[in-house]
């Protein structure tokens, strides 16, 4: 009878020791959570997406999407240039990066003549009614795009004593312009420049 008791005690002790060892190993090695072995695969997929070379934009393509994007920028450029030329400081500042040298020189000459007369412009840009591509033509690496603009502004010219010289500070005037924008399709610079004013 005593032998059976000792055997039970031995079994209990061995079970306790095994349990203790299991708990120690679990604490050192940690529990399996169900994510083991999956993370590396997920990271590999992410790395593939990151490392995958992005398709290079082809600047030679001037499709419908490219034309729509161009017109968004052309409208902003048009308002910026009109406002900069017609404000009261007689200087080209904000729109200078949008002009090629020839147009910039023409504007500067006109503003100098206005300033020499002691005249200053006032303008309120109401908005652009329409902007449509009339034509686009590629010559070598240069892409030229002609745009017809219809816009509304309030503008007038005054002298240094604020006396009205021309225009009407309270009347909305509709203006029609045809401008030519250009850019080098091989250049990393994405900006277009105004290169000609047809009307």
N, C-alpha and C. Protein backbone atom coordinates (compact mmCIF):
# COMPACT_ATOMS: atom_id res chain seq x y z
N UNK A 1 0.84 -1.20 0.00
CA UNK A 1 0.00 0.00 0.00
C UNK A 1 0.86 1.24 0.00
N UNK A 2 1.95 1.22 0.81
CA UNK A 2 2.88 2.34 0.88
C UNK A 2 3.54 2.56 -0.47
N UNK A 3 3.84 1.44 -1.18
CA UNK A 3 4.50 1.57 -2.49
C UNK A 3 3.63 2.34 -3.46
N UNK A 4 2.32 2.07 -3.44
CA UNK A 4 1.40 2.78 -4.32
C UNK A 4 1.36 4.26 -3.99
N UNK A 5 1.42 4.57 -2.71
CA UNK A 5 1.39 5.98 -2.28
C UNK A 5 2.61 6.72 -2.80
N UNK A 6 3.78 6.06 -2.68
CA UNK A 6 5.01 6.69 -3.18
C UNK A 6 4.96 6.90 -4.70
N UNK A 7 4.35 5.92 -5.38
CA UNK A 7 4.25 6.03 -6.85
C UNK A 7 3.38 7.23 -7.23
N UNK A 8 2.25 7.41 -6.51
CA UNK A 8 1.38 8.57 -6.79
C UNK A 8 2.09 9.88 -6.52
N UNK A 9 2.86 9.88 -5.40
CA UNK A 9 3.61 11.10 -5.05
C UNK A 9 4.63 11.42 -6.14
N UNK A 10 5.32 10.35 -6.61
CA UNK A 10 6.32 10.55 -7.67
C UNK A 10 5.68 11.11 -8.93
N UNK A 11 4.49 10.59 -9.28
CA UNK A 11 3.79 11.06 -10.49
C UNK A 11 3.41 12.52 -10.34
N UNK A 12 2.88 12.87 -9.14
CA UNK A 12 2.49 14.27 -8.89
C UNK A 12 3.68 15.20 -8.97
N UNK A 13 4.81 14.77 -8.35
CA UNK A 13 6.02 15.60 -8.38
C UNK A 13 6.53 15.79 -9.79
N UNK A 14 6.53 14.68 -10.56
CA UNK A 14 6.99 14.79 -11.95
C UNK A 14 6.10 15.71 -12.77
N UNK A 15 4.77 15.62 -12.50
CA UNK A 15 3.83 16.50 -13.22
C UNK A 15 4.07 17.95 -12.87
N UNK A 16 4.34 18.22 -11.57
CA UNK A 16 4.61 19.61 -11.14
C UNK A 16 5.89 20.15 -11.77
N UNK A 17 6.92 19.26 -11.81
CA UNK A 17 8.20 19.69 -12.42
C UNK A 17 8.01 19.96 -13.90
N UNK A 18 7.26 19.07 -14.56
CA UNK A 18 7.01 19.26 -16.01
C UNK A 18 6.24 20.55 -16.25
N UNK A 19 5.24 20.80 -15.38
CA UNK A 19 4.46 22.03 -15.50
C UNK A 19 5.31 23.26 -15.30
N UNK A 20 6.21 23.21 -14.30
CA UNK A 20 7.11 24.33 -14.03
C UNK A 20 8.01 24.60 -15.24
N UNK A 21 8.59 23.51 -15.79
CA UNK A 21 9.48 23.65 -16.95
C UNK A 21 8.71 24.24 -18.14
N UNK A 22 7.46 23.77 -18.35
CA UNK A 22 6.64 24.27 -19.46
C UNK A 22 6.38 25.78 -19.32
N UNK A 23 6.03 26.18 -18.06
CA UNK A 23 5.77 27.60 -17.83
C UNK A 23 7.02 28.44 -18.05
N UNK A 24 8.19 27.92 -17.64
CA UNK A 24 9.45 28.66 -17.83
C UNK A 24 9.76 28.81 -19.32
N UNK A 25 9.59 27.70 -20.06
CA UNK A 25 9.86 27.76 -21.50
C UNK A 25 8.88 28.70 -22.20
N UNK A 26 7.64 28.69 -21.76
CA UNK A 26 6.63 29.57 -22.36
C UNK A 26 6.98 31.03 -22.12
N UNK A 27 7.48 31.30 -20.91
CA UNK A 27 7.86 32.67 -20.59
C UNK A 27 9.05 33.15 -21.39
N UNK A 28 10.01 32.22 -21.64
CA UNK A 28 11.22 32.59 -22.37
C UNK A 28 10.96 32.69 -23.86
N UNK A 29 10.24 31.71 -24.42
CA UNK A 29 10.04 31.64 -25.87
C UNK A 29 8.82 32.39 -26.34
N UNK A 30 7.87 32.63 -25.46
CA UNK A 30 6.67 33.35 -25.85
C UNK A 30 5.62 32.42 -26.43
N UNK A 31 4.39 32.99 -26.57
CA UNK A 31 3.28 32.19 -27.10
C UNK A 31 3.18 32.38 -28.60
N UNK A 32 2.64 31.38 -29.25
CA UNK A 32 2.31 31.51 -30.67
C UNK A 32 0.98 32.21 -30.78
N UNK A 33 0.91 33.22 -31.65
CA UNK A 33 -0.30 34.02 -31.73
C UNK A 33 -1.09 33.81 -33.01
N UNK A 34 -0.54 33.04 -33.91
CA UNK A 34 -1.23 32.84 -35.17
C UNK A 34 -0.68 33.68 -36.29
N UNK A 35 0.25 34.65 -35.99
CA UNK A 35 0.84 35.52 -37.00
C UNK A 35 2.23 35.06 -37.40
N UNK A 36 2.76 34.06 -36.68
CA UNK A 36 4.11 33.61 -37.00
C UNK A 36 4.17 33.09 -38.42
N UNK A 37 5.17 33.53 -39.14
CA UNK A 37 5.36 33.06 -40.51
C UNK A 37 4.59 33.87 -41.53
N UNK A 38 3.66 34.70 -41.11
CA UNK A 38 2.87 35.48 -42.06
C UNK A 38 3.49 36.85 -42.32
N UNK A 39 4.07 37.46 -41.30
CA UNK A 39 4.62 38.81 -41.43
C UNK A 39 5.66 38.92 -42.53
N UNK A 40 6.64 38.00 -42.59
CA UNK A 40 7.64 38.12 -43.67
C UNK A 40 7.00 38.16 -45.05
N UNK A 41 5.98 37.33 -45.26
CA UNK A 41 5.31 37.34 -46.55
C UNK A 41 4.63 38.66 -46.83
N UNK A 42 3.98 39.23 -45.81
CA UNK A 42 3.31 40.51 -45.97
C UNK A 42 4.33 41.61 -46.28
N UNK A 43 5.46 41.59 -45.57
CA UNK A 43 6.49 42.59 -45.82
C UNK A 43 7.08 42.46 -47.22
N UNK A 44 7.20 41.22 -47.66
CA UNK A 44 7.71 41.02 -49.01
C UNK A 44 6.79 41.65 -50.05
N UNK A 45 5.46 41.50 -49.83
CA UNK A 45 4.49 42.10 -50.76
C UNK A 45 4.60 43.62 -50.74
N UNK A 46 4.75 44.18 -49.54
CA UNK A 46 4.88 45.64 -49.41
C UNK A 46 6.15 46.11 -50.11
N UNK A 47 7.25 45.38 -49.88
CA UNK A 47 8.52 45.75 -50.51
C UNK A 47 8.44 45.70 -52.03
N UNK A 48 7.71 44.70 -52.52
CA UNK A 48 7.55 44.59 -53.97
C UNK A 48 6.86 45.82 -54.54
N UNK A 49 5.83 46.28 -53.80
CA UNK A 49 5.08 47.46 -54.26
C UNK A 49 5.95 48.71 -54.21
N UNK A 50 6.75 48.82 -53.12
CA UNK A 50 7.62 49.99 -52.97
C UNK A 50 8.71 50.00 -54.00
N UNK A 51 9.31 48.83 -54.21
CA UNK A 51 10.46 48.74 -55.11
C UNK A 51 10.06 48.70 -56.58
N UNK A 52 8.78 48.43 -56.84
CA UNK A 52 8.34 48.35 -58.23
C UNK A 52 8.48 49.71 -58.90
N UNK A 53 9.22 49.81 -59.98
CA UNK A 53 9.42 51.11 -60.63
C UNK A 53 8.11 51.67 -61.15
N UNK A 54 7.87 52.96 -60.85
CA UNK A 54 6.67 53.62 -61.33
C UNK A 54 6.82 53.98 -62.80
N UNK A 55 5.75 53.83 -63.56
CA UNK A 55 5.84 54.17 -64.99
C UNK A 55 6.16 55.64 -65.18
N UNK A 56 7.13 55.93 -66.00
CA UNK A 56 7.55 57.31 -66.26
C UNK A 56 6.54 58.01 -67.16
N UNK A 57 6.17 59.23 -66.74
CA UNK A 57 5.19 59.99 -67.51
C UNK A 57 5.81 60.40 -68.84
N UNK A 58 5.07 60.15 -69.90
CA UNK A 58 5.54 60.50 -71.24
C UNK A 58 5.05 61.90 -71.58
N UNK A 59 5.97 62.86 -71.59
CA UNK A 59 5.61 64.25 -71.86
C UNK A 59 5.24 64.48 -73.33
N UNK A 60 5.49 63.49 -74.16
CA UNK A 60 5.15 63.64 -75.58
C UNK A 60 3.66 63.36 -75.84
N UNK A 61 2.99 62.76 -74.84
CA UNK A 61 1.58 62.46 -75.01
C UNK A 61 0.75 63.65 -74.54
N UNK A 62 -0.09 64.15 -75.43
CA UNK A 62 -0.97 65.27 -75.09
C UNK A 62 -2.41 64.85 -75.40
N UNK A 63 -2.85 63.82 -74.68
CA UNK A 63 -4.18 63.27 -74.90
C UNK A 63 -5.22 64.08 -74.13
N UNK A 64 -6.45 63.56 -74.06
CA UNK A 64 -7.54 64.29 -73.41
C UNK A 64 -7.23 64.59 -71.95
N UNK A 65 -6.70 63.61 -71.24
CA UNK A 65 -6.36 63.84 -69.83
C UNK A 65 -5.30 64.91 -69.67
N UNK A 66 -4.27 64.83 -70.51
CA UNK A 66 -3.20 65.83 -70.45
C UNK A 66 -3.72 67.22 -70.79
N UNK A 67 -4.64 67.29 -71.75
CA UNK A 67 -5.21 68.58 -72.15
C UNK A 67 -6.06 69.18 -71.03
N UNK A 68 -6.81 68.33 -70.34
CA UNK A 68 -7.63 68.82 -69.23
C UNK A 68 -6.76 69.35 -68.10
N UNK A 69 -5.68 68.63 -67.80
CA UNK A 69 -4.76 69.10 -66.76
C UNK A 69 -4.09 70.40 -67.19
N UNK A 70 -3.73 70.47 -68.46
CA UNK A 70 -3.11 71.69 -68.98
C UNK A 70 -4.04 72.89 -68.82
N UNK A 71 -5.31 72.72 -69.17
CA UNK A 71 -6.28 73.82 -69.10
C UNK A 71 -6.47 74.32 -67.67
N UNK A 72 -6.42 73.41 -66.70
CA UNK A 72 -6.51 73.84 -65.30
C UNK A 72 -5.38 74.81 -64.96
N UNK A 73 -4.18 74.43 -65.37
CA UNK A 73 -3.03 75.30 -65.12
C UNK A 73 -3.07 76.57 -65.94
N UNK A 74 -3.56 76.46 -67.20
CA UNK A 74 -3.62 77.63 -68.08
C UNK A 74 -4.56 78.69 -67.52
N UNK A 75 -5.66 78.27 -66.91
CA UNK A 75 -6.61 79.23 -66.31
C UNK A 75 -5.97 79.98 -65.16
N UNK A 76 -5.24 79.24 -64.32
CA UNK A 76 -4.55 79.88 -63.19
C UNK A 76 -3.50 80.86 -63.71
N UNK A 77 -2.75 80.42 -64.73
CA UNK A 77 -1.71 81.28 -65.31
C UNK A 77 -2.32 82.54 -65.91
N UNK A 78 -3.44 82.39 -66.61
CA UNK A 78 -4.11 83.52 -67.25
C UNK A 78 -4.52 84.56 -66.22
N UNK A 79 -5.18 84.12 -65.16
CA UNK A 79 -5.61 85.06 -64.12
C UNK A 79 -4.40 85.73 -63.44
N UNK A 80 -3.36 84.94 -63.18
CA UNK A 80 -2.17 85.47 -62.53
C UNK A 80 -1.51 86.55 -63.38
N UNK A 81 -1.38 86.29 -64.68
CA UNK A 81 -0.71 87.23 -65.58
C UNK A 81 -1.54 88.50 -65.77
N UNK A 82 -2.85 88.34 -66.02
CA UNK A 82 -3.73 89.50 -66.22
C UNK A 82 -3.72 90.39 -64.98
N UNK A 83 -3.84 89.79 -63.82
CA UNK A 83 -3.88 90.55 -62.56
C UNK A 83 -2.55 91.23 -62.29
N UNK A 84 -1.45 90.51 -62.54
CA UNK A 84 -0.11 91.08 -62.28
C UNK A 84 0.17 92.26 -63.20
N UNK A 85 -0.25 92.16 -64.46
CA UNK A 85 0.00 93.25 -65.42
C UNK A 85 -0.88 94.46 -65.13
N UNK A 86 -2.07 94.22 -64.59
CA UNK A 86 -3.04 95.31 -64.45
C UNK A 86 -3.19 95.84 -63.03
N UNK A 87 -2.33 95.42 -62.10
CA UNK A 87 -2.45 95.99 -60.76
C UNK A 87 -1.72 97.32 -60.68
N UNK A 88 -1.70 97.93 -59.50
CA UNK A 88 -1.25 99.33 -59.42
C UNK A 88 0.23 99.53 -59.11
N UNK A 89 1.05 98.45 -59.13
CA UNK A 89 2.47 98.67 -58.83
C UNK A 89 3.33 98.83 -60.08
N UNK A 90 2.69 98.61 -61.27
CA UNK A 90 3.42 98.75 -62.54
C UNK A 90 4.67 97.86 -62.59
N UNK A 91 4.58 96.69 -62.00
CA UNK A 91 5.70 95.75 -62.01
C UNK A 91 5.20 94.33 -62.28
N UNK A 92 6.04 93.56 -62.96
CA UNK A 92 5.75 92.14 -63.18
C UNK A 92 6.49 91.35 -62.11
N UNK A 93 5.74 90.75 -61.21
CA UNK A 93 6.37 90.02 -60.11
C UNK A 93 5.87 88.57 -60.07
N UNK A 94 4.60 88.38 -59.74
CA UNK A 94 4.05 87.03 -59.55
C UNK A 94 4.09 86.20 -60.83
N UNK A 95 3.91 86.86 -61.97
CA UNK A 95 3.80 86.12 -63.23
C UNK A 95 5.12 85.96 -63.98
N UNK A 96 6.19 86.48 -63.46
CA UNK A 96 7.47 86.43 -64.18
C UNK A 96 7.88 85.01 -64.59
N UNK A 97 7.73 83.99 -63.71
CA UNK A 97 8.13 82.63 -64.11
C UNK A 97 7.25 82.05 -65.22
N UNK A 98 6.10 82.69 -65.49
CA UNK A 98 5.17 82.18 -66.49
C UNK A 98 5.39 82.78 -67.88
N UNK A 99 6.33 83.71 -67.98
CA UNK A 99 6.55 84.43 -69.24
C UNK A 99 7.91 84.10 -69.83
N UNK A 100 7.95 83.97 -71.16
CA UNK A 100 9.28 83.87 -71.76
C UNK A 100 9.89 85.26 -71.83
N UNK A 101 11.13 85.36 -72.20
CA UNK A 101 11.84 86.64 -72.13
C UNK A 101 11.20 87.71 -73.01
N UNK A 102 10.76 87.31 -74.20
CA UNK A 102 10.18 88.28 -75.13
C UNK A 102 8.91 88.92 -74.56
N UNK A 103 8.01 88.08 -74.03
CA UNK A 103 6.77 88.60 -73.45
C UNK A 103 7.07 89.42 -72.20
N UNK A 104 7.99 88.94 -71.39
CA UNK A 104 8.36 89.68 -70.18
C UNK A 104 8.88 91.08 -70.54
N UNK A 105 9.73 91.16 -71.56
CA UNK A 105 10.27 92.46 -71.98
C UNK A 105 9.16 93.38 -72.52
N UNK A 106 8.21 92.81 -73.27
CA UNK A 106 7.10 93.60 -73.79
C UNK A 106 6.26 94.17 -72.65
N UNK A 107 5.96 93.34 -71.68
CA UNK A 107 5.17 93.79 -70.54
C UNK A 107 5.91 94.87 -69.76
N UNK A 108 7.19 94.65 -69.54
CA UNK A 108 7.98 95.63 -68.79
C UNK A 108 8.01 96.98 -69.49
N UNK A 109 8.14 96.96 -70.82
CA UNK A 109 8.16 98.20 -71.60
C UNK A 109 6.83 98.94 -71.47
N UNK A 110 5.73 98.21 -71.59
CA UNK A 110 4.40 98.83 -71.48
C UNK A 110 4.18 99.41 -70.08
N UNK A 111 4.63 98.69 -69.06
CA UNK A 111 4.46 99.16 -67.69
C UNK A 111 5.33 100.37 -67.39
N UNK A 112 6.53 100.40 -67.98
CA UNK A 112 7.41 101.55 -67.79
C UNK A 112 6.79 102.80 -68.41
N UNK A 113 6.21 102.64 -69.60
CA UNK A 113 5.55 103.76 -70.27
C UNK A 113 4.36 104.27 -69.44
N UNK A 114 3.62 103.33 -68.88
CA UNK A 114 2.49 103.71 -68.03
C UNK A 114 2.97 104.45 -66.79
N UNK A 115 4.03 103.93 -66.20
CA UNK A 115 4.58 104.55 -64.99
C UNK A 115 5.14 105.94 -65.28
N UNK A 116 5.82 106.08 -66.44
CA UNK A 116 6.38 107.38 -66.82
C UNK A 116 5.29 108.44 -67.00
N UNK A 117 4.10 108.03 -67.39
CA UNK A 117 2.99 108.95 -67.55
C UNK A 117 2.32 109.26 -66.21
N UNK A 118 2.75 108.54 -65.18
CA UNK A 118 2.14 108.74 -63.86
C UNK A 118 0.79 108.06 -63.73
N UNK A 119 0.58 107.03 -64.53
CA UNK A 119 -0.69 106.32 -64.52
C UNK A 119 -0.55 104.97 -63.81
N UNK A 120 -1.67 104.54 -63.24
CA UNK A 120 -1.70 103.26 -62.52
C UNK A 120 -3.01 102.55 -62.84
N UNK A 121 -2.93 101.22 -62.90
CA UNK A 121 -4.12 100.43 -63.23
C UNK A 121 -4.76 99.89 -61.96
N UNK A 122 -6.05 99.70 -62.06
CA UNK A 122 -6.80 98.99 -61.01
C UNK A 122 -7.59 97.88 -61.68
N UNK A 123 -7.63 96.70 -61.03
CA UNK A 123 -8.33 95.57 -61.66
C UNK A 123 -9.01 94.70 -60.61
N UNK A 124 -10.17 94.23 -60.98
CA UNK A 124 -10.86 93.17 -60.22
C UNK A 124 -11.14 92.06 -61.22
N UNK A 125 -10.54 90.91 -60.97
CA UNK A 125 -10.73 89.77 -61.88
C UNK A 125 -12.00 89.03 -61.45
N UNK A 126 -13.01 89.07 -62.30
CA UNK A 126 -14.30 88.45 -61.97
C UNK A 126 -14.24 86.93 -62.17
N UNK A 127 -13.73 86.50 -63.32
CA UNK A 127 -13.63 85.07 -63.57
C UNK A 127 -13.48 84.74 -65.04
N UNK A 128 -13.18 83.47 -65.30
CA UNK A 128 -13.01 82.98 -66.67
C UNK A 128 -14.29 82.28 -67.10
N UNK A 129 -14.89 82.76 -68.17
CA UNK A 129 -16.10 82.13 -68.70
C UNK A 129 -15.78 80.84 -69.45
N UNK A 130 -14.70 80.88 -70.21
CA UNK A 130 -14.31 79.67 -70.94
C UNK A 130 -12.83 79.73 -71.31
N UNK A 131 -12.27 78.55 -71.43
CA UNK A 131 -10.88 78.40 -71.89
C UNK A 131 -10.84 77.13 -72.74
N UNK A 132 -10.57 77.30 -74.03
CA UNK A 132 -10.59 76.17 -74.95
C UNK A 132 -9.30 76.11 -75.76
N UNK A 133 -8.82 74.89 -75.93
CA UNK A 133 -7.62 74.70 -76.76
C UNK A 133 -8.02 74.85 -78.22
N UNK A 134 -7.40 75.81 -78.88
CA UNK A 134 -7.67 76.05 -80.29
C UNK A 134 -6.86 75.09 -81.15
N UNK A 135 -5.60 74.94 -80.79
CA UNK A 135 -4.75 73.98 -81.49
C UNK A 135 -3.52 73.67 -80.64
N UNK A 136 -2.91 72.55 -80.92
CA UNK A 136 -1.62 72.22 -80.29
C UNK A 136 -0.72 71.61 -81.36
N UNK A 137 0.51 72.05 -81.32
CA UNK A 137 1.45 71.63 -82.36
C UNK A 137 2.83 71.38 -81.73
N UNK A 138 3.45 70.28 -82.13
CA UNK A 138 4.78 69.94 -81.62
C UNK A 138 5.81 70.14 -82.72
N UNK A 139 6.79 70.97 -82.44
CA UNK A 139 7.89 71.23 -83.36
C UNK A 139 9.18 70.80 -82.68
N UNK A 140 9.73 69.68 -83.13
CA UNK A 140 10.90 69.12 -82.44
C UNK A 140 10.48 68.68 -81.05
N UNK A 141 11.17 69.21 -80.04
CA UNK A 141 10.84 68.88 -78.65
C UNK A 141 9.88 69.90 -78.03
N UNK A 142 9.54 70.94 -78.78
CA UNK A 142 8.72 72.02 -78.24
C UNK A 142 7.25 71.81 -78.58
N UNK A 143 6.42 71.80 -77.52
CA UNK A 143 4.97 71.67 -77.71
C UNK A 143 4.32 73.03 -77.48
N UNK A 144 3.65 73.53 -78.50
CA UNK A 144 2.94 74.81 -78.41
C UNK A 144 1.43 74.56 -78.36
N UNK A 145 0.77 75.23 -77.43
CA UNK A 145 -0.68 75.07 -77.28
C UNK A 145 -1.33 76.45 -77.31
N UNK A 146 -2.27 76.63 -78.25
CA UNK A 146 -2.99 77.90 -78.40
C UNK A 146 -4.33 77.79 -77.69
N UNK A 147 -4.63 78.77 -76.84
CA UNK A 147 -5.85 78.72 -76.04
C UNK A 147 -6.67 80.00 -76.24
N UNK A 148 -7.97 79.82 -76.46
CA UNK A 148 -8.91 80.94 -76.53
C UNK A 148 -9.53 81.14 -75.15
N UNK A 149 -9.36 82.34 -74.60
CA UNK A 149 -9.94 82.68 -73.30
C UNK A 149 -11.06 83.70 -73.46
N UNK A 150 -12.10 83.53 -72.67
CA UNK A 150 -13.12 84.56 -72.50
C UNK A 150 -13.25 84.78 -71.00
N UNK A 151 -13.06 86.03 -70.58
CA UNK A 151 -13.08 86.32 -69.15
C UNK A 151 -13.79 87.64 -68.88
N UNK A 152 -14.06 87.88 -67.61
CA UNK A 152 -14.70 89.14 -67.20
C UNK A 152 -13.87 89.81 -66.13
N UNK A 153 -13.65 91.10 -66.31
CA UNK A 153 -12.86 91.88 -65.36
C UNK A 153 -13.49 93.26 -65.17
N UNK A 154 -13.10 93.92 -64.12
CA UNK A 154 -13.38 95.35 -63.94
C UNK A 154 -12.03 96.03 -63.88
N UNK A 155 -11.79 96.96 -64.77
CA UNK A 155 -10.48 97.60 -64.82
C UNK A 155 -10.57 99.05 -65.26
N UNK A 156 -9.61 99.83 -64.79
CA UNK A 156 -9.53 101.23 -65.19
C UNK A 156 -8.11 101.74 -64.97
N UNK A 157 -7.82 102.88 -65.58
CA UNK A 157 -6.52 103.54 -65.42
C UNK A 157 -6.75 104.88 -64.73
N UNK A 158 -5.94 105.16 -63.70
CA UNK A 158 -6.02 106.43 -62.99
C UNK A 158 -4.66 107.08 -62.92
N UNK A 159 -4.65 108.40 -62.70
CA UNK A 159 -3.38 109.09 -62.54
C UNK A 159 -2.99 109.11 -61.07
N UNK A 160 -1.88 109.75 -60.77
CA UNK A 160 -1.38 109.75 -59.39
C UNK A 160 -2.32 110.42 -58.41
N UNK A 161 -3.23 111.29 -58.94
CA UNK A 161 -4.21 111.95 -58.09
C UNK A 161 -5.53 111.19 -58.03
N UNK A 162 -5.52 109.94 -58.50
CA UNK A 162 -6.70 109.08 -58.51
C UNK A 162 -7.78 109.54 -59.49
N UNK A 163 -7.39 110.39 -60.43
CA UNK A 163 -8.34 110.84 -61.43
C UNK A 163 -8.48 109.77 -62.52
N UNK A 164 -9.70 109.49 -62.89
CA UNK A 164 -9.95 108.44 -63.88
C UNK A 164 -9.47 108.86 -65.27
N UNK A 165 -8.63 108.04 -65.87
CA UNK A 165 -8.10 108.30 -67.21
C UNK A 165 -8.86 107.50 -68.25
N UNK A 166 -9.07 106.23 -67.97
CA UNK A 166 -9.81 105.37 -68.90
C UNK A 166 -10.42 104.20 -68.14
N UNK A 167 -11.40 103.56 -68.80
CA UNK A 167 -12.06 102.43 -68.17
C UNK A 167 -13.17 102.88 -67.23
N UNK A 168 -13.77 101.91 -66.55
CA UNK A 168 -14.88 102.19 -65.62
C UNK A 168 -14.71 101.30 -64.40
N UNK A 169 -14.49 101.88 -63.22
CA UNK A 169 -14.25 101.09 -62.01
C UNK A 169 -15.48 100.34 -61.50
N UNK A 170 -16.62 100.52 -62.16
CA UNK A 170 -17.84 99.86 -61.70
C UNK A 170 -18.48 98.98 -62.78
N UNK A 171 -17.86 98.94 -63.94
CA UNK A 171 -18.45 98.19 -65.05
C UNK A 171 -17.67 96.92 -65.35
N UNK A 172 -18.39 95.80 -65.45
CA UNK A 172 -17.76 94.54 -65.82
C UNK A 172 -17.53 94.50 -67.32
N UNK A 173 -16.30 94.19 -67.68
CA UNK A 173 -15.92 94.16 -69.09
C UNK A 173 -15.56 92.73 -69.49
N UNK A 174 -16.08 92.29 -70.62
CA UNK A 174 -15.75 90.96 -71.13
C UNK A 174 -14.55 91.07 -72.07
N UNK A 175 -13.56 90.24 -71.87
CA UNK A 175 -12.35 90.30 -72.70
C UNK A 175 -12.15 88.96 -73.41
N UNK A 176 -11.58 89.03 -74.60
CA UNK A 176 -11.31 87.84 -75.42
C UNK A 176 -9.81 87.82 -75.73
N UNK A 177 -9.16 86.75 -75.38
CA UNK A 177 -7.71 86.63 -75.62
C UNK A 177 -7.39 85.27 -76.24
N UNK A 178 -6.39 85.28 -77.10
CA UNK A 178 -5.84 84.04 -77.64
C UNK A 178 -4.34 84.03 -77.32
N UNK A 179 -3.97 83.10 -76.45
CA UNK A 179 -2.58 83.03 -75.99
C UNK A 179 -1.95 81.71 -76.41
N UNK A 180 -0.63 81.76 -76.59
CA UNK A 180 0.12 80.55 -76.93
C UNK A 180 1.08 80.23 -75.79
N UNK A 181 0.94 79.02 -75.26
CA UNK A 181 1.83 78.53 -74.22
C UNK A 181 2.76 77.48 -74.82
N UNK A 182 3.94 77.36 -74.22
CA UNK A 182 4.95 76.45 -74.77
C UNK A 182 5.76 75.80 -73.66
N UNK A 183 6.22 74.59 -73.94
CA UNK A 183 7.17 73.94 -73.02
C UNK A 183 8.01 72.94 -73.80
N UNK A 184 9.21 72.69 -73.27
CA UNK A 184 10.12 71.70 -73.83
C UNK A 184 9.76 70.34 -73.23
N UNK A 185 9.33 69.40 -74.06
CA UNK A 185 8.87 68.10 -73.55
C UNK A 185 10.01 67.24 -73.01
N UNK A 186 11.26 67.62 -73.29
CA UNK A 186 12.39 66.85 -72.77
C UNK A 186 12.90 67.43 -71.45
N UNK A 187 12.38 68.57 -71.05
CA UNK A 187 12.84 69.23 -69.84
C UNK A 187 12.19 68.61 -68.61
N UNK A 188 12.96 68.58 -67.50
CA UNK A 188 12.40 68.09 -66.23
C UNK A 188 11.49 69.14 -65.61
N UNK A 189 11.59 70.37 -66.08
CA UNK A 189 10.73 71.44 -65.59
C UNK A 189 9.34 71.30 -66.22
N UNK A 190 8.31 71.11 -65.40
CA UNK A 190 6.97 70.87 -65.95
C UNK A 190 6.22 72.15 -66.33
N UNK A 191 6.80 73.31 -66.02
CA UNK A 191 6.09 74.57 -66.22
C UNK A 191 5.99 74.98 -67.69
N UNK A 192 4.82 75.54 -68.00
CA UNK A 192 4.60 76.14 -69.33
C UNK A 192 4.90 77.62 -69.23
N UNK A 193 5.22 78.23 -70.39
CA UNK A 193 5.44 79.67 -70.45
C UNK A 193 4.59 80.28 -71.55
N UNK A 194 4.14 81.49 -71.27
CA UNK A 194 3.42 82.25 -72.30
C UNK A 194 4.46 82.77 -73.29
N UNK A 195 4.27 82.43 -74.58
CA UNK A 195 5.27 82.81 -75.58
C UNK A 195 4.71 83.75 -76.64
N UNK A 196 3.38 83.88 -76.71
CA UNK A 196 2.79 84.75 -77.72
C UNK A 196 1.37 85.14 -77.33
N UNK A 197 0.98 86.38 -77.67
CA UNK A 197 -0.38 86.86 -77.46
C UNK A 197 -0.90 87.26 -78.83
N UNK A 198 -1.88 86.50 -79.32
CA UNK A 198 -2.37 86.71 -80.68
C UNK A 198 -3.45 87.79 -80.73
N UNK A 199 -4.26 87.93 -79.69
CA UNK A 199 -5.29 88.99 -79.65
C UNK A 199 -5.33 89.58 -78.25
